[in-house]
Amino acid sequence: MNVDDVVAEKIAAARARAEAAKRRRAALNAARQRGLAARHAAKLRNQAARNFLGSQENPDTEENQ
């Protein structure tokens, strides 16, 4: 085994580590995006429920006229 083979193996290992890190980051980003979307949807549902319940409790508000 000569120096060129050792260098080639080290380069291949570094590329493999970089690809694994890239896949890990992509997976974490996808999970983060799903979590943010779920959080946003829940926030909108809560706002809609508050607005609906608020208009039911006080029918004289401007929203109902």
Protein backbone atom coordinates (compact mmCIF):
# COMPACT_ATOMS: atom_id res chain seq x y z
CA MET A 1 0.00 0.00 0.00
CA ASN A 2 1.53 3.29 -1.04
CA VAL A 3 0.93 6.86 0.03
CA ASP A 4 -1.51 7.54 -2.83
CA ASP A 5 -3.74 4.67 -1.67
CA VAL A 6 -3.76 5.96 1.90
CA VAL A 7 -4.64 9.46 0.73
CA ALA A 8 -7.40 8.12 -1.53
CA GLU A 9 -8.89 6.15 1.40
CA LYS A 10 -8.81 9.21 3.64
CA ILE A 11 -10.51 11.31 0.95
CA ALA A 12 -13.19 8.64 0.46
CA ALA A 13 -13.79 8.47 4.22
CA ALA A 14 -14.08 12.25 4.44
CA ARG A 15 -16.59 12.28 1.57
CA ALA A 16 -18.63 9.56 3.28
CA ARG A 17 -18.67 11.54 6.53
CA ALA A 18 -19.73 14.69 4.69
CA GLU A 19 -22.55 12.85 2.91
CA ALA A 20 -23.74 11.32 6.19
CA ALA A 21 -23.74 14.75 7.82
CA LYS A 22 -25.66 16.19 4.87
CA ARG A 23 -28.30 13.44 5.14
CA ARG A 24 -28.55 14.00 8.91
CA ARG A 25 -29.05 17.74 8.43
CA ALA A 26 -31.69 17.14 5.75
CA ALA A 27 -33.59 14.75 8.01
CA LEU A 28 -33.49 17.18 10.93
CA ASN A 29 -34.61 20.05 8.71
CA ALA A 30 -37.53 17.99 7.37
CA ALA A 31 -38.60 17.12 10.92
CA ARG A 32 -38.29 20.77 11.92
CA GLN A 33 -40.44 21.88 8.99
CA ARG A 34 -43.13 19.31 9.86
CA GLY A 35 -43.09 20.48 13.47
CA LEU A 36 -43.35 24.13 12.48
CA ALA A 37 -46.23 23.39 10.12
CA ALA A 38 -48.07 21.47 12.84
CA ARG A 39 -47.46 24.27 15.33
CA HIS A 40 -48.72 26.88 12.87
CA ALA A 41 -51.84 24.84 12.09
CA ALA A 42 -52.57 24.44 15.81
CA LYS A 43 -52.13 28.17 16.34
CA LEU A 44 -54.59 28.94 13.54
CA ARG A 45 -57.09 26.41 14.93
CA ASN A 46 -56.83 27.97 18.38
CA GLN A 47 -57.31 31.47 16.98
CA ALA A 48 -60.35 30.38 14.98
CA ALA A 49 -61.85 28.67 18.03
CA ARG A 50 -61.23 31.76 20.18
CA ASN A 51 -62.82 34.03 17.59
CA PHE A 52 -65.82 31.73 17.20
CA LEU A 53 -66.33 31.31 20.93
CA GLY A 54 -65.82 35.02 21.53
CA SER A 55 -68.50 35.92 19.00
CA GLN A 56 -70.89 33.37 20.56
CA GLU A 57 -70.42 34.76 24.06
CA ASN A 58 -70.94 38.39 23.06
CA PRO A 59 -73.34 38.65 20.12
CA ASP A 60 -73.24 42.48 20.14
CA THR A 61 -69.66 42.66 18.90
CA GLU A 62 -68.83 44.24 15.54
CA GLU A 63 -67.85 40.83 14.16
CA ASN A 64 -71.47 39.66 14.29
CA GLN A 65 -73.10 42.72 12.79
